[in-house]
Amino acid sequence: MATITTGSVPRLRRGVRLSYDQTRETHVLLFPEGVLVPNPTAAAVLKLCDGAADVAAIASALRHRYAGVREEEILDVLSRLGDRRIVEWT
């Protein structure tokens, strides 16, 4: 996808799974190339990447839970995860 906008719809790529690791007491992303430990902000965003909600809807949902949520920051997080082939766009 050339341009990611607030209307873009992210989802985890096939083979990628977000899980909660009880031992580490944090979320982990499991994928064929390895394991990534996202920070709490990225984990909150990734939980909402279901292939149905666009970035604007994800931002709205996060605003109900957290103060100061900005769509630009969500786009930045998702863009970086897209570069790492963790997130894809529908």
PDB file of N, CA and C in Angstrom:
ATOM      1  N   MET A   1       0.853  -1.166   0.000  1.00  0.00           N
ATOM      2  CA  MET A   1       0.000   0.000   0.000  1.00  0.00           C
ATOM      3  C   MET A   1       0.901   1.230   0.000  1.00  0.00           C
ATOM      4  N   ALA A   2       0.678   2.132  -0.938  1.00  0.00           N
ATOM      5  CA  ALA A   2       1.538   3.297  -1.088  1.00  0.00           C
ATOM      6  C   ALA A   2       1.329   4.307   0.030  1.00  0.00           C
ATOM      7  N   THR A   3       0.097   4.680   0.286  1.00  0.00           N
ATOM      8  CA  THR A   3      -0.189   5.693   1.294  1.00  0.00           C
ATOM      9  C   THR A   3      -1.143   5.132   2.340  1.00  0.00           C
ATOM     10  N   ILE A   4      -0.726   5.214   3.582  1.00  0.00           N
ATOM     11  CA  ILE A   4      -1.563   4.759   4.688  1.00  0.00           C
ATOM     12  C   ILE A   4      -2.275   5.987   5.236  1.00  0.00           C
ATOM     13  N   THR A   5      -3.601   5.895   5.345  1.00  0.00           N
ATOM     14  CA  THR A   5      -4.399   7.017   5.826  1.00  0.00           C
ATOM     15  C   THR A   5      -5.261   6.556   7.004  1.00  0.00           C
ATOM     16  N   THR A   6      -6.022   7.483   7.557  1.00  0.00           N
ATOM     17  CA  THR A   6      -6.919   7.128   8.660  1.00  0.00           C
ATOM     18  C   THR A   6      -8.048   6.218   8.195  1.00  0.00           C
ATOM     19  N   GLY A   7      -8.264   6.126   6.883  1.00  0.00           N
ATOM     20  CA  GLY A   7      -9.276   5.221   6.346  1.00  0.00           C
ATOM     21  C   GLY A   7      -8.741   3.841   6.023  1.00  0.00           C
ATOM     22  N   SER A   8      -7.430   3.642   6.189  1.00  0.00           N
ATOM     23  CA  SER A   8      -6.820   2.334   5.930  1.00  0.00           C
ATOM     24  C   SER A   8      -7.214   1.342   7.008  1.00  0.00           C
ATOM     25  N   VAL A   9      -7.342   0.076   6.621  1.00  0.00           N
ATOM     26  CA  VAL A   9      -7.792  -0.966   7.546  1.00  0.00           C
ATOM     27  C   VAL A   9      -6.651  -1.976   7.769  1.00  0.00           C
ATOM     28  N   PRO A  10      -6.051  -1.973   8.962  1.00  0.00           N
ATOM     29  CA  PRO A  10      -4.945  -2.893   9.246  1.00  0.00           C
ATOM     30  C   PRO A  10      -5.426  -4.222   9.833  1.00  0.00           C
ATOM     31  N   ARG A  11      -4.622  -5.234   9.609  1.00  0.00           N
ATOM     32  CA  ARG A  11      -4.826  -6.530  10.263  1.00  0.00           C
ATOM     33  C   ARG A  11      -3.466  -7.199  10.396  1.00  0.00           C
ATOM     34  N   LEU A  12      -3.389  -8.122  11.332  1.00  0.00           N
ATOM     35  CA  LEU A  12      -2.154  -8.880  11.488  1.00  0.00           C
ATOM     36  C   LEU A  12      -1.990  -9.792  10.279  1.00  0.00           C
ATOM     37  N   ARG A  13      -0.777  -9.908   9.798  1.00  0.00           N
ATOM     38  CA  ARG A  13      -0.509 -10.788   8.661  1.00  0.00           C
ATOM     39  C   ARG A  13      -0.762 -12.240   9.050  1.00  0.00           C
ATOM     40  N   ARG A  14      -0.996 -13.036   8.057  1.00  0.00           N
ATOM     41  CA  ARG A  14      -1.181 -14.467   8.280  1.00  0.00           C
ATOM     42  C   ARG A  14       0.079 -15.022   8.940  1.00  0.00           C
ATOM     43  N   GLY A  15      -0.107 -15.801   9.974  1.00  0.00           N
ATOM     44  CA  GLY A  15       1.010 -16.382  10.704  1.00  0.00           C
ATOM     45  C   GLY A  15       1.492 -15.538  11.872  1.00  0.00           C
ATOM     46  N   VAL A  16       0.919 -14.353  12.057  1.00  0.00           N
ATOM     47  CA  VAL A  16       1.299 -13.475  13.167  1.00  0.00           C
ATOM     48  C   VAL A  16       0.205 -13.534  14.220  1.00  0.00           C
ATOM     49  N   ARG A  17       0.615 -13.677  15.464  1.00  0.00           N
ATOM     50  CA  ARG A  17      -0.363 -13.776  16.554  1.00  0.00           C
ATOM     51  C   ARG A  17       0.100 -12.924  17.729  1.00  0.00           C
ATOM     52  N   LEU A  18      -0.830 -12.159  18.278  1.00  0.00           N
ATOM     53  CA  LEU A  18      -0.570 -11.386  19.490  1.00  0.00           C
ATOM     54  C   LEU A  18      -1.048 -12.209  20.672  1.00  0.00           C
ATOM     55  N   SER A  19      -0.145 -12.487  21.595  1.00  0.00           N
ATOM     56  CA  SER A  19      -0.478 -13.289  22.774  1.00  0.00           C
ATOM     57  C   SER A  19       0.027 -12.590  24.027  1.00  0.00           C
ATOM     58  N   TYR A  20      -0.535 -13.002  25.147  1.00  0.00           N
ATOM     59  CA  TYR A  20      -0.056 -12.490  26.426  1.00  0.00           C
ATOM     60  C   TYR A  20       0.836 -13.552  27.057  1.00  0.00           C
ATOM     61  N   ASP A  21       2.057 -13.188  27.351  1.00  0.00           N
ATOM     62  CA  ASP A  21       3.028 -14.094  27.963  1.00  0.00           C
ATOM     63  C   ASP A  21       2.942 -13.938  29.476  1.00  0.00           C
ATOM     64  N   GLN A  22       2.422 -14.948  30.145  1.00  0.00           N
ATOM     65  CA  GLN A  22       2.245 -14.901  31.604  1.00  0.00           C
ATOM     66  C   GLN A  22       3.578 -14.766  32.336  1.00  0.00           C
ATOM     67  N   THR A  23       4.617 -15.407  31.826  1.00  0.00           N
ATOM     68  CA  THR A  23       5.918 -15.372  32.485  1.00  0.00           C
ATOM     69  C   THR A  23       6.500 -13.964  32.464  1.00  0.00           C
ATOM     70  N   ARG A  24       6.444 -13.324  31.306  1.00  0.00           N
ATOM     71  CA  ARG A  24       6.989 -11.977  31.153  1.00  0.00           C
ATOM     72  C   ARG A  24       6.001 -10.893  31.584  1.00  0.00           C
ATOM     73  N   GLU A  25       4.745 -11.295  31.747  1.00  0.00           N
ATOM     74  CA  GLU A  25       3.667 -10.376  32.095  1.00  0.00           C
ATOM     75  C   GLU A  25       3.574  -9.225  31.094  1.00  0.00           C
ATOM     76  N   THR A  26       3.618  -9.598  29.817  1.00  0.00           N
ATOM     77  CA  THR A  26       3.511  -8.619  28.733  1.00  0.00           C
ATOM     78  C   THR A  26       3.018  -9.309  27.473  1.00  0.00           C
ATOM     79  N   HIS A  27       2.574  -8.511  26.518  1.00  0.00           N
ATOM     80  CA  HIS A  27       2.152  -9.065  25.233  1.00  0.00           C
ATOM     81  C   HIS A  27       3.376  -9.376  24.386  1.00  0.00           C
ATOM     82  N   VAL A  28       3.251 -10.402  23.545  1.00  0.00           N
ATOM     83  CA  VAL A  28       4.290 -10.751  22.592  1.00  0.00           C
ATOM     84  C   VAL A  28       3.638 -10.996  21.240  1.00  0.00           C
ATOM     85  N   LEU A  29       4.364 -10.660  20.198  1.00  0.00           N
ATOM     86  CA  LEU A  29       3.940 -10.961  18.842  1.00  0.00           C
ATOM     87  C   LEU A  29       4.728 -12.173  18.376  1.00  0.00           C
ATOM     88  N   LEU A  30       4.033 -13.208  18.025  1.00  0.00           N
ATOM     89  CA  LEU A  30       4.667 -14.422  17.533  1.00  0.00           C
ATOM     90  C   LEU A  30       4.492 -14.461  16.023  1.00  0.00           C
ATOM     91  N   PHE A  31       5.590 -14.685  15.302  1.00  0.00           N
ATOM     92  CA  PHE A  31       5.530 -14.774  13.851  1.00  0.00           C
ATOM     93  C   PHE A  31       6.644 -15.701  13.392  1.00  0.00           C
ATOM     94  N   PRO A  32       6.559 -16.190  12.142  1.00  0.00           N
ATOM     95  CA  PRO A  32       7.528 -17.208  11.700  1.00  0.00           C
ATOM     96  C   PRO A  32       8.987 -16.795  11.844  1.00  0.00           C
ATOM     97  N   GLU A  33       9.286 -15.513  11.718  1.00  0.00           N
ATOM     98  CA  GLU A  33      10.668 -15.063  11.811  1.00  0.00           C
ATOM     99  C   GLU A  33      11.147 -14.867  13.242  1.00  0.00           C
ATOM    100  N   GLY A  34      10.248 -14.919  14.217  1.00  0.00           N
ATOM    101  CA  GLY A  34      10.678 -14.730  15.586  1.00  0.00           C
ATOM    102  C   GLY A  34       9.598 -14.233  16.513  1.00  0.00           C
ATOM    103  N   VAL A  35      10.041 -13.527  17.541  1.00  0.00           N
ATOM    104  CA  VAL A  35       9.160 -12.992  18.572  1.00  0.00           C
ATOM    105  C   VAL A  35       9.503 -11.517  18.754  1.00  0.00           C
ATOM    106  N   LEU A  36       8.471 -10.700  18.914  1.00  0.00           N
ATOM    107  CA  LEU A  36       8.655  -9.281  19.166  1.00  0.00           C
ATOM    108  C   LEU A  36       7.848  -8.927  20.403  1.00  0.00           C
ATOM    109  N   VAL A  37       8.444  -8.147  21.292  1.00  0.00           N
ATOM    110  CA  VAL A  37       7.742  -7.696  22.488  1.00  0.00           C
ATOM    111  C   VAL A  37       7.348  -6.236  22.259  1.00  0.00           C
ATOM    112  N   PRO A  38       6.078  -5.999  21.903  1.00  0.00           N
ATOM    113  CA  PRO A  38       5.654  -4.620  21.656  1.00  0.00           C
ATOM    114  C   PRO A  38       5.492  -3.860  22.972  1.00  0.00           C
ATOM    115  N   ASN A  39       5.666  -2.556  22.909  1.00  0.00           N
ATOM    116  CA  ASN A  39       5.405  -1.757  24.101  1.00  0.00           C
ATOM    117  C   ASN A  39       3.894  -1.729  24.335  1.00  0.00           C
ATOM    118  N   PRO A  40       3.451  -1.309  25.506  1.00  0.00           N
ATOM    119  CA  PRO A  40       2.012  -1.332  25.809  1.00  0.00           C
ATOM    120  C   PRO A  40       1.150  -0.551  24.813  1.00  0.00           C
ATOM    121  N   THR A  41       1.684   0.549  24.291  1.00  0.00           N
ATOM    122  CA  THR A  41       0.931   1.332  23.318  1.00  0.00           C
ATOM    123  C   THR A  41       0.726   0.541  22.032  1.00  0.00           C
ATOM    124  N   ALA A  42       1.784  -0.048  21.527  1.00  0.00           N
ATOM    125  CA  ALA A  42       1.681  -0.842  20.301  1.00  0.00           C
ATOM    126  C   ALA A  42       0.767  -2.040  20.512  1.00  0.00           C
ATOM    127  N   ALA A  43       0.843  -2.677  21.676  1.00  0.00           N
ATOM    128  CA  ALA A  43      -0.038  -3.830  21.958  1.00  0.00           C
ATOM    129  C   ALA A  43      -1.503  -3.405  21.951  1.00  0.00           C
ATOM    130  N   ALA A  44      -1.807  -2.232  22.515  1.00  0.00           N
ATOM    131  CA  ALA A  44      -3.191  -1.744  22.522  1.00  0.00           C
ATOM    132  C   ALA A  44      -3.682  -1.509  21.104  1.00  0.00           C
ATOM    133  N   VAL A  45      -2.824  -0.982  20.242  1.00  0.00           N
ATOM    134  CA  VAL A  45      -3.190  -0.764  18.837  1.00  0.00           C
ATOM    135  C   VAL A  45      -3.378  -2.105  18.139  1.00  0.00           C
ATOM    136  N   LEU A  46      -2.449  -3.019  18.335  1.00  0.00           N
ATOM    137  CA  LEU A  46      -2.502  -4.319  17.649  1.00  0.00           C
ATOM    138  C   LEU A  46      -3.731  -5.137  18.020  1.00  0.00           C
ATOM    139  N   LYS A  47      -4.193  -5.010  19.246  1.00  0.00           N
ATOM    140  CA  LYS A  47      -5.395  -5.738  19.658  1.00  0.00           C
ATOM    141  C   LYS A  47      -6.603  -5.351  18.807  1.00  0.00           C
ATOM    142  N   LEU A  48      -6.580  -4.137  18.263  1.00  0.00           N
ATOM    143  CA  LEU A  48      -7.711  -3.633  17.490  1.00  0.00           C
ATOM    144  C   LEU A  48      -7.537  -3.817  15.982  1.00  0.00           C
ATOM    145  N   CYS A  49      -6.433  -4.392  15.564  1.00  0.00           N
ATOM    146  CA  CYS A  49      -6.176  -4.618  14.135  1.00  0.00           C
ATOM    147  C   CYS A  49      -6.841  -5.923  13.708  1.00  0.00           C
ATOM    148  N   ASP A  50      -8.136  -5.829  13.442  1.00  0.00           N
ATOM    149  CA  ASP A  50      -8.925  -7.027  13.143  1.00  0.00           C
ATOM    150  C   ASP A  50      -9.316  -7.165  11.677  1.00  0.00           C
ATOM    151  N   GLY A  51      -8.851  -6.250  10.829  1.00  0.00           N
ATOM    152  CA  GLY A  51      -9.207  -6.303   9.422  1.00  0.00           C
ATOM    153  C   GLY A  51     -10.576  -5.707   9.126  1.00  0.00           C
ATOM    154  N   ALA A  52     -11.247  -5.165  10.141  1.00  0.00           N
ATOM    155  CA  ALA A  52     -12.560  -4.540   9.951  1.00  0.00           C
ATOM    156  C   ALA A  52     -12.531  -3.059  10.318  1.00  0.00           C
ATOM    157  N   ALA A  53     -11.790  -2.707  11.358  1.00  0.00           N
ATOM    158  CA  ALA A  53     -11.733  -1.320  11.838  1.00  0.00           C
ATOM    159  C   ALA A  53     -10.623  -0.563  11.120  1.00  0.00           C
ATOM    160  N   ASP A  54     -10.950   0.650  10.670  1.00  0.00           N
ATOM    161  CA  ASP A  54      -9.915   1.482  10.068  1.00  0.00           C
ATOM    162  C   ASP A  54      -9.164   2.235  11.168  1.00  0.00           C
ATOM    163  N   VAL A  55      -8.125   2.950  10.765  1.00  0.00           N
ATOM    164  CA  VAL A  55      -7.278   3.657  11.739  1.00  0.00           C
ATOM    165  C   VAL A  55      -8.091   4.662  12.544  1.00  0.00           C
ATOM    166  N   ALA A  56      -9.029   5.347  11.906  1.00  0.00           N
ATOM    167  CA  ALA A  56      -9.863   6.319  12.627  1.00  0.00           C
ATOM    168  C   ALA A  56     -10.690   5.633  13.711  1.00  0.00           C
ATOM    169  N   ALA A  57     -11.238   4.456  13.415  1.00  0.00           N
ATOM    170  CA  ALA A  57     -12.020   3.712  14.406  1.00  0.00           C
ATOM    171  C   ALA A  57     -11.131   3.203  15.540  1.00  0.00           C
ATOM    172  N   ILE A  58      -9.927   2.781  15.204  1.00  0.00           N
ATOM    173  CA  ILE A  58      -8.980   2.329  16.227  1.00  0.00           C
ATOM    174  C   ILE A  58      -8.644   3.490  17.156  1.00  0.00           C
ATOM    175  N   ALA A  59      -8.381   4.661  16.580  1.00  0.00           N
ATOM    176  CA  ALA A  59      -8.077   5.849  17.391  1.00  0.00           C
ATOM    177  C   ALA A  59      -9.253   6.199  18.292  1.00  0.00           C
ATOM    178  N   SER A  60     -10.455   6.124  17.764  1.00  0.00           N
ATOM    179  CA  SER A  60     -11.648   6.430  18.553  1.00  0.00           C
ATOM    180  C   SER A  60     -11.793   5.467  19.731  1.00  0.00           C
ATOM    181  N   ALA A  61     -11.587   4.188  19.468  1.00  0.00           N
ATOM    182  CA  ALA A  61     -11.689   3.189  20.541  1.00  0.00           C
ATOM    183  C   ALA A  61     -10.629   3.430  21.617  1.00  0.00           C
ATOM    184  N   LEU A  62      -9.434   3.788  21.192  1.00  0.00           N
ATOM    185  CA  LEU A  62      -8.366   4.036  22.159  1.00  0.00           C
ATOM    186  C   LEU A  62      -8.604   5.317  22.959  1.00  0.00           C
ATOM    187  N   ARG A  63      -9.254   6.292  22.356  1.00  0.00           N
ATOM    188  CA  ARG A  63      -9.561   7.537  23.075  1.00  0.00           C
ATOM    189  C   ARG A  63     -10.520   7.303  24.234  1.00  0.00           C
ATOM    190  N   HIS A  64     -11.317   6.257  24.145  1.00  0.00           N
ATOM    191  CA  HIS A  64     -12.231   5.927  25.249  1.00  0.00           C
ATOM    192  C   HIS A  64     -11.455   5.385  26.454  1.00  0.00           C
ATOM    193  N   ARG A  65     -10.255   4.876  26.211  1.00  0.00           N
ATOM    194  CA  ARG A  65      -9.457   4.272  27.279  1.00  0.00           C
ATOM    195  C   ARG A  65      -8.280   5.137  27.722  1.00  0.00           C
ATOM    196  N   TYR A  66      -7.756   5.953  26.800  1.00  0.00           N
ATOM    197  CA  TYR A  66      -6.542   6.721  27.084  1.00  0.00           C
ATOM    198  C   TYR A  66      -6.722   8.174  26.661  1.00  0.00           C
ATOM    199  N   ALA A  67      -6.038   9.065  27.334  1.00  0.00           N
ATOM    200  CA  ALA A  67      -6.057  10.483  26.967  1.00  0.00           C
ATOM    201  C   ALA A  67      -4.931  10.764  25.971  1.00  0.00           C
ATOM    202  N   GLY A  68      -5.156  11.715  25.095  1.00  0.00           N
ATOM    203  CA  GLY A  68      -4.100  12.178  24.196  1.00  0.00           C
ATOM    204  C   GLY A  68      -3.800  11.291  23.011  1.00  0.00           C
ATOM    205  N   VAL A  69      -4.718  10.427  22.620  1.00  0.00           N
ATOM    206  CA  VAL A  69      -4.494   9.546  21.472  1.00  0.00           C
ATOM    207  C   VAL A  69      -4.568  10.371  20.199  1.00  0.00           C
ATOM    208  N   ARG A  70      -3.531  10.237  19.365  1.00  0.00           N
ATOM    209  CA  ARG A  70      -3.494  10.962  18.090  1.00  0.00           C
ATOM    210  C   ARG A  70      -3.394   9.971  16.941  1.00  0.00           C
ATOM    211  N   GLU A  71      -4.193  10.185  15.917  1.00  0.00           N
ATOM    212  CA  GLU A  71      -4.201   9.288  14.759  1.00  0.00           C
ATOM    213  C   GLU A  71      -2.832   9.218  14.093  1.00  0.00           C
ATOM    214  N   GLU A  72      -2.102  10.333  14.082  1.00  0.00           N
ATOM    215  CA  GLU A  72      -0.779  10.357  13.456  1.00  0.00           C
ATOM    216  C   GLU A  72       0.167   9.372  14.134  1.00  0.00           C
ATOM    217  N   GLU A  73       0.086   9.274  15.451  1.00  0.00           N
ATOM    218  CA  GLU A  73       0.947   8.345  16.184  1.00  0.00           C
ATOM    219  C   GLU A  73       0.563   6.895  15.887  1.00  0.00           C
ATOM    220  N   ILE A  74      -0.725   6.639  15.756  1.00  0.00           N
ATOM    221  CA  ILE A  74      -1.183   5.291  15.418  1.00  0.00           C
ATOM    222  C   ILE A  74      -0.707   4.930  14.016  1.00  0.00           C
ATOM    223  N   LEU A  75      -0.826   5.872  13.089  1.00  0.00           N
ATOM    224  CA  LEU A  75      -0.332   5.638  11.726  1.00  0.00           C
ATOM    225  C   LEU A  75       1.166   5.341  11.726  1.00  0.00           C
ATOM    226  N   ASP A  76       1.911   6.050  12.559  1.00  0.00           N
ATOM    227  CA  ASP A  76       3.357   5.826  12.643  1.00  0.00           C
ATOM    228  C   ASP A  76       3.670   4.426  13.164  1.00  0.00           C
ATOM    229  N   VAL A  77       2.998   4.023  14.231  1.00  0.00           N
ATOM    230  CA  VAL A  77       3.204   2.683  14.798  1.00  0.00           C
ATOM    231  C   VAL A  77       2.869   1.612  13.762  1.00  0.00           C
ATOM    232  N   LEU A  78       1.726   1.751  13.119  1.00  0.00           N
ATOM    233  CA  LEU A  78       1.297   0.745  12.143  1.00  0.00           C
ATOM    234  C   LEU A  78       2.186   0.732  10.907  1.00  0.00           C
ATOM    235  N   SER A  79       2.677   1.873  10.513  1.00  0.00           N
ATOM    236  CA  SER A  79       3.585   1.942   9.374  1.00  0.00           C
ATOM    237  C   SER A  79       4.877   1.182   9.671  1.00  0.00           C
ATOM    238  N   ARG A  80       5.415   1.386  10.864  1.00  0.00           N
ATOM    239  CA  ARG A  80       6.641   0.670  11.249  1.00  0.00           C
ATOM    240  C   ARG A  80       6.401  -0.832  11.336  1.00  0.00           C
ATOM    241  N   LEU A  81       5.236  -1.229  11.862  1.00  0.00           N
ATOM    242  CA  LEU A  81       4.919  -2.659  11.932  1.00  0.00           C
ATOM    243  C   LEU A  81       4.668  -3.230  10.542  1.00  0.00           C
ATOM    244  N   GLY A  82       4.154  -2.417   9.646  1.00  0.00           N
ATOM    245  CA  GLY A  82       3.988  -2.843   8.261  1.00  0.00           C
ATOM    246  C   GLY A  82       5.330  -3.066   7.592  1.00  0.00           C
ATOM    247  N   ASP A  83       6.288  -2.182   7.867  1.00  0.00           N
ATOM    248  CA  ASP A  83       7.640  -2.337   7.322  1.00  0.00           C
ATOM    249  C   ASP A  83       8.286  -3.633   7.794  1.00  0.00           C
ATOM    250  N   ARG A  84       7.924  -4.070   8.984  1.00  0.00           N
ATOM    251  CA  ARG A  84       8.473  -5.321   9.545  1.00  0.00           C
ATOM    252  C   ARG A  84       7.654  -6.540   9.137  1.00  0.00           C
ATOM    253  N   ARG A  85       6.638  -6.312   8.290  1.00  0.00           N
ATOM    254  CA  ARG A  85       5.774  -7.366   7.758  1.00  0.00           C
ATOM    255  C   ARG A  85       4.957  -8.061   8.850  1.00  0.00           C
ATOM    256  N   ILE A  86       4.538  -7.285   9.838  1.00  0.00           N
ATOM    257  CA  ILE A  86       3.694  -7.793  10.909  1.00  0.00           C
ATOM    258  C   ILE A  86       2.242  -7.430  10.646  1.00  0.00           C
ATOM    259  N   VAL A  87       2.031  -6.253  10.074  1.00  0.00           N
ATOM    260  CA  VAL A  87       0.704  -5.760   9.758  1.00  0.00           C
ATOM    261  C   VAL A  87       0.566  -5.645   8.250  1.00  0.00           C
ATOM    262  N   GLU A  88      -0.638  -5.945   7.749  1.00  0.00           N
ATOM    263  CA  GLU A  88      -0.952  -5.716   6.345  1.00  0.00           C
ATOM    264  C   GLU A  88      -2.236  -4.909   6.264  1.00  0.00           C
ATOM    265  N   TRP A  89      -2.551  -4.427   5.103  1.00  0.00           N
ATOM    266  CA  TRP A  89      -3.677  -3.513   4.922  1.00  0.00           C
ATOM    267  C   TRP A  89      -4.699  -4.138   3.985  1.00  0.00           C
ATOM    268  N   THR A  90      -5.975  -4.046   4.374  1.00  0.00           N
ATOM    269  CA  THR A  90      -7.040  -4.611   3.544  1.00  0.00           C
ATOM    270  C   THR A  90      -7.764  -3.503   2.808  1.00  0.00           C
TER     271      THR A  90
END
